[in-house]
N, C-alpha and C. Protein backbone atom coordinates (compact mmCIF):
# COMPACT_ATOMS: atom_id res chain seq x y z
N UNK A 1 -89.25 17.19 -21.81
CA UNK A 1 -89.91 17.57 -22.97
C UNK A 1 -91.95 17.21 -22.38
N UNK A 2 -91.55 16.78 -21.24
CA UNK A 2 -93.63 16.27 -21.13
C UNK A 2 -93.83 18.27 -20.49
N UNK A 3 -92.78 18.97 -19.07
CA UNK A 3 -93.01 20.07 -19.26
C UNK A 3 -93.49 21.25 -20.86
N UNK A 4 -92.71 21.05 -21.54
CA UNK A 4 -92.83 21.37 -22.31
C UNK A 4 -94.27 21.92 -23.49
N UNK A 5 -94.96 19.69 -23.35
CA UNK A 5 -95.67 19.86 -24.26
C UNK A 5 -97.22 20.26 -23.66
N UNK A 6 -96.76 20.44 -21.29
CA UNK A 6 -98.10 20.72 -21.10
C UNK A 6 -97.46 22.21 -21.60
N UNK A 7 -96.95 23.03 -21.33
CA UNK A 7 -96.77 23.97 -21.48
C UNK A 7 -97.61 24.98 -22.96
N UNK A 8 -97.12 24.26 -23.96
CA UNK A 8 -98.14 24.48 -25.40
C UNK A 8 -99.40 23.87 -25.18
N UNK A 9 -99.85 23.29 -24.37
CA UNK A 9 -101.27 22.82 -24.41
C UNK A 9 -102.29 24.02 -23.81
N UNK A 10 -101.60 23.95 -22.98
CA UNK A 10 -101.87 25.64 -21.64
C UNK A 10 -101.90 26.70 -22.88
N UNK A 11 -101.12 26.87 -22.92
CA UNK A 11 -100.53 27.73 -24.17
C UNK A 11 -102.21 28.12 -25.14
N UNK A 12 -101.96 26.85 -25.76
CA UNK A 12 -103.58 26.69 -26.93
C UNK A 12 -104.68 26.80 -26.69
N UNK A 13 -104.40 26.14 -25.36
CA UNK A 13 -106.86 26.07 -25.16
C UNK A 13 -107.00 27.92 -24.17
N UNK A 14 -105.16 28.26 -23.82
CA UNK A 14 -105.50 29.76 -23.32
C UNK A 14 -106.25 31.07 -24.37
N UNK A 15 -105.21 30.69 -25.87
CA UNK A 15 -105.40 31.18 -27.01
C UNK A 15 -106.74 30.89 -27.93
N UNK A 16 -106.83 29.60 -27.65
CA UNK A 16 -108.12 29.78 -27.82
C UNK A 16 -109.50 30.08 -27.05
N UNK A 17 -109.44 30.08 -25.64
CA UNK A 17 -110.10 30.51 -24.32
C UNK A 17 -110.46 32.41 -25.55
N UNK A 18 -109.38 32.90 -25.20
CA UNK A 18 -109.27 34.34 -25.77
C UNK A 18 -109.81 34.46 -27.15
N UNK A 19 -109.30 33.73 -27.40
CA UNK A 19 -110.57 33.65 -29.05
C UNK A 19 -111.42 33.84 -29.14
N UNK A 20 -112.25 32.71 -28.99
CA UNK A 20 -113.55 32.49 -28.51
C UNK A 20 -114.54 33.44 -28.06
N UNK A 21 -113.78 34.29 -27.25
CA UNK A 21 -114.30 35.65 -25.59
C UNK A 21 -114.50 35.28 -24.90
N UNK A 22 -114.59 33.83 -24.25
CA UNK A 22 -114.86 33.66 -22.76
C UNK A 22 -113.77 34.02 -22.03
N UNK A 23 -114.47 33.94 -20.86
CA UNK A 23 -113.45 34.39 -19.95
C UNK A 23 -112.40 33.31 -19.84
N UNK A 24 -111.06 34.42 -18.67
CA UNK A 24 -109.81 33.62 -19.36
C UNK A 24 -110.01 32.35 -18.06
N UNK A 25 -110.69 32.07 -16.96
CA UNK A 25 -110.84 31.36 -15.96
C UNK A 25 -111.41 30.12 -16.27
N UNK A 26 -111.94 30.14 -17.65
CA UNK A 26 -112.11 28.78 -18.11
C UNK A 26 -111.30 27.91 -18.40
N UNK A 27 -109.73 28.61 -18.84
CA UNK A 27 -108.89 27.97 -19.09
C UNK A 27 -108.58 26.97 -18.40
N UNK A 28 -108.86 26.80 -16.71
CA UNK A 28 -108.61 26.49 -15.80
C UNK A 28 -109.13 25.12 -15.66
N UNK A 29 -111.00 25.14 -16.23
CA UNK A 29 -111.61 24.12 -16.32
C UNK A 29 -111.35 23.46 -17.23
N UNK A 30 -110.89 23.66 -18.16
CA UNK A 30 -110.26 22.88 -19.97
C UNK A 30 -109.18 22.24 -19.52
N UNK A 31 -108.40 22.82 -18.67
CA UNK A 31 -107.25 22.09 -18.18
C UNK A 31 -106.94 21.07 -16.99
N UNK A 32 -107.81 21.72 -16.24
CA UNK A 32 -107.76 20.07 -15.73
C UNK A 32 -108.63 19.00 -16.16
N UNK A 33 -109.95 19.59 -16.87
CA UNK A 33 -110.59 18.29 -17.45
C UNK A 33 -109.39 17.86 -18.55
N UNK A 34 -108.76 17.58 -19.07
CA UNK A 34 -107.72 17.91 -19.85
C UNK A 34 -106.80 16.58 -19.10
N UNK A 35 -106.56 17.21 -18.05
CA UNK A 35 -105.72 16.77 -16.77
C UNK A 35 -106.14 15.08 -16.77
N UNK A 36 -107.56 15.34 -16.66
CA UNK A 36 -108.49 14.16 -15.74
C UNK A 36 -108.31 13.71 -16.83
N UNK A 37 -108.67 13.36 -18.16
CA UNK A 37 -108.58 12.42 -18.86
C UNK A 37 -107.62 11.58 -19.00
N UNK A 38 -106.52 12.49 -19.26
CA UNK A 38 -104.99 11.71 -19.44
C UNK A 38 -104.33 11.34 -18.17
N UNK A 39 -105.14 11.33 -16.75
CA UNK A 39 -104.47 10.63 -15.22
C UNK A 39 -105.58 9.26 -15.60
N UNK A 40 -106.47 9.57 -16.19
CA UNK A 40 -107.92 8.07 -16.45
C UNK A 40 -107.51 7.17 -17.08
N UNK A 41 -106.86 7.49 -18.34
CA UNK A 41 -106.15 6.58 -19.42
C UNK A 41 -105.30 5.79 -18.65
N UNK A 42 -103.91 7.20 -18.05
CA UNK A 42 -102.84 6.41 -17.26
C UNK A 42 -102.92 4.97 -16.05
N UNK A 43 -104.20 5.45 -15.65
CA UNK A 43 -104.56 4.86 -14.16
C UNK A 43 -105.35 3.01 -14.88
N UNK A 44 -105.71 4.14 -16.30
CA UNK A 44 -106.86 2.47 -16.91
C UNK A 44 -105.04 1.80 -17.30
N UNK A 45 -104.24 1.94 -17.69
CA UNK A 45 -103.43 1.39 -18.63
C UNK A 45 -102.37 0.47 -17.13
N UNK A 46 -102.31 0.96 -16.00
CA UNK A 46 -102.05 0.39 -15.14
C UNK A 46 -102.92 -0.14 -14.23
N UNK A 47 -103.91 -1.04 -14.95
CA UNK A 47 -105.28 -1.83 -13.64
C UNK A 47 -105.15 -2.82 -15.02
N UNK A 48 -105.16 -2.68 -16.01
CA UNK A 48 -105.06 -3.80 -17.54
C UNK A 48 -103.73 -4.50 -17.03
N UNK A 49 -102.71 -3.70 -16.77
CA UNK A 49 -101.41 -3.99 -16.85
C UNK A 49 -101.22 -4.56 -15.80
N UNK A 50 -101.87 -4.90 -14.78
CA UNK A 50 -101.85 -5.45 -13.69
C UNK A 50 -102.43 -6.89 -13.54
N UNK A 51 -103.07 -6.44 -14.86
CA UNK A 51 -104.54 -7.77 -14.74
C UNK A 51 -103.59 -8.92 -15.98
N UNK A 52 -103.45 -8.13 -16.57
CA UNK A 52 -102.64 -8.81 -17.32
C UNK A 52 -100.84 -9.78 -16.43
N UNK A 53 -100.60 -9.18 -15.90
CA UNK A 53 -99.53 -9.91 -15.01
C UNK A 53 -99.91 -11.01 -14.02
N UNK A 54 -100.89 -10.79 -13.48
CA UNK A 54 -101.68 -11.27 -12.88
C UNK A 54 -102.24 -13.01 -13.21
N UNK A 55 -102.84 -12.47 -14.51
CA UNK A 55 -103.61 -13.94 -15.72
C UNK A 55 -101.66 -14.14 -16.16
N UNK A 56 -100.77 -13.87 -16.11
CA UNK A 56 -99.81 -14.48 -16.24
C UNK A 56 -99.02 -15.77 -15.12
N UNK A 57 -99.16 -14.73 -14.39
CA UNK A 57 -98.66 -15.55 -12.94
C UNK A 57 -99.74 -16.73 -12.43
N UNK A 58 -101.02 -16.61 -12.17
CA UNK A 58 -102.30 -17.83 -12.65
C UNK A 58 -101.54 -19.26 -13.52
N UNK A 59 -101.61 -17.85 -14.94
CA UNK A 59 -101.05 -19.41 -16.21
C UNK A 59 -99.65 -20.56 -16.18
N UNK A 60 -98.69 -19.41 -15.53
CA UNK A 60 -97.70 -20.35 -15.00
C UNK A 60 -97.51 -21.25 -13.39
N UNK A 61 -98.46 -20.79 -12.38
CA UNK A 61 -98.62 -21.63 -11.12
C UNK A 61 -99.33 -23.36 -12.23
N UNK A 62 -100.38 -23.22 -13.14
CA UNK A 62 -101.36 -23.62 -13.12
C UNK A 62 -99.85 -25.22 -14.94
N UNK A 63 -99.45 -24.64 -15.11
CA UNK A 63 -98.43 -25.34 -16.02
C UNK A 63 -97.76 -25.67 -15.26
N UNK A 64 -96.85 -25.30 -13.50
CA UNK A 64 -96.19 -26.02 -13.15
C UNK A 64 -97.45 -26.59 -11.88
N UNK A 65 -98.33 -26.32 -12.18
CA UNK A 65 -98.75 -27.60 -11.26
C UNK A 65 -99.05 -29.21 -11.74
N UNK A 66 -99.28 -28.63 -13.35
CA UNK A 66 -99.43 -30.05 -14.23
C UNK A 66 -98.28 -30.89 -13.97
N UNK A 67 -97.53 -30.07 -14.07
CA UNK A 67 -95.83 -30.55 -14.55
C UNK A 67 -95.99 -31.46 -12.95
N UNK A 68 -96.14 -30.79 -11.96
CA UNK A 68 -95.98 -31.69 -11.17
C UNK A 68 -96.52 -33.06 -10.83
N UNK A 69 -97.75 -32.93 -11.01
CA UNK A 69 -98.95 -34.24 -11.39
C UNK A 69 -98.19 -35.00 -12.69
N UNK A 70 -97.67 -35.35 -12.95
CA UNK A 70 -96.81 -36.02 -14.04
C UNK A 70 -95.90 -36.66 -13.84
N UNK A 71 -94.95 -36.05 -12.89
CA UNK A 71 -93.98 -36.32 -12.42
C UNK A 71 -93.89 -37.89 -11.29
N UNK A 72 -92.94 -38.60 -11.13
CA UNK A 72 -93.43 -39.31 -10.22
C UNK A 72 -93.57 -39.41 -8.63
N UNK A 73 -93.93 -39.76 -7.59
CA UNK A 73 -93.61 -39.77 -6.09
C UNK A 73 -92.55 -39.02 -5.59
N UNK A 74 -91.30 -39.64 -5.95
CA UNK A 74 -89.96 -38.94 -5.82
C UNK A 74 -89.71 -37.33 -5.96
N UNK A 75 -89.80 -37.75 -7.57
CA UNK A 75 -89.89 -36.00 -8.18
C UNK A 75 -90.58 -34.88 -7.73
N UNK A 76 -91.63 -35.62 -7.07
CA UNK A 76 -92.83 -34.28 -6.50
C UNK A 76 -92.23 -33.61 -5.12
N UNK A 77 -91.74 -34.81 -4.22
CA UNK A 77 -91.48 -34.54 -3.10
C UNK A 77 -90.62 -33.92 -3.50
N UNK A 78 -89.49 -34.01 -4.13
CA UNK A 78 -87.66 -33.15 -3.75
C UNK A 78 -88.37 -31.51 -4.75
N UNK A 79 -89.12 -31.32 -5.39
CA UNK A 79 -89.62 -30.00 -6.09
C UNK A 79 -90.07 -29.50 -4.98
N UNK A 80 -91.17 -30.13 -4.27
CA UNK A 80 -92.51 -28.95 -3.09
C UNK A 80 -91.47 -29.17 -1.80
N UNK A 81 -90.11 -29.56 -1.77
CA UNK A 81 -88.94 -29.31 -0.91
C UNK A 81 -88.25 -27.92 -1.33
N UNK A 82 -88.09 -28.10 -2.64
CA UNK A 82 -87.14 -27.20 -3.60
C UNK A 82 -88.14 -26.25 -3.15
N UNK A 83 -89.61 -26.11 -3.92
CA UNK A 83 -89.76 -25.07 -3.76
C UNK A 83 -90.26 -23.96 -1.98
N UNK A 84 -90.51 -25.19 -0.87
CA UNK A 84 -90.61 -24.80 0.82
C UNK A 84 -89.04 -23.78 0.45
N UNK A 85 -88.39 -24.43 -0.03
CA UNK A 85 -86.65 -23.73 0.52
C UNK A 85 -86.62 -22.72 0.24
N UNK A 86 -86.88 -22.33 -1.18
CA UNK A 86 -87.16 -21.09 -1.61
C UNK A 86 -87.87 -20.17 -1.19
N UNK A 87 -88.96 -20.43 -1.10
CA UNK A 87 -90.07 -20.01 0.16
C UNK A 87 -89.44 -18.86 0.90
N UNK A 88 -88.57 -20.05 2.02
CA UNK A 88 -88.59 -19.00 3.26
C UNK A 88 -87.46 -18.41 3.34
N UNK A 89 -86.68 -18.63 1.91
CA UNK A 89 -85.06 -17.43 1.97
C UNK A 89 -86.07 -16.64 1.12
N UNK A 90 -87.03 -16.16 0.62
CA UNK A 90 -87.44 -15.00 0.00
C UNK A 90 -88.13 -14.42 1.09
N UNK A 91 -88.74 -14.51 2.06
CA UNK A 91 -89.43 -13.91 3.41
C UNK A 91 -87.62 -13.07 4.34
């Protein structure tokens, strides 16, 4: 489907350039510009998604730390041990 869409866009650009009377090689630059804009939008979305994920992780860590502070001493030590054991197994 994406290949069909790209072929259609290329055809429309090529036909438009010929209809206006410009040389055919102008199509290459127009298509390159369109591809550059699409890649820029894709990259921007990816960066914003990564930032949103980092904010979510920071929020979870803050909630976890707040919950740790509200527990009694024995529960804190047990939770820390569980976290350390979990971190060891992930590596």
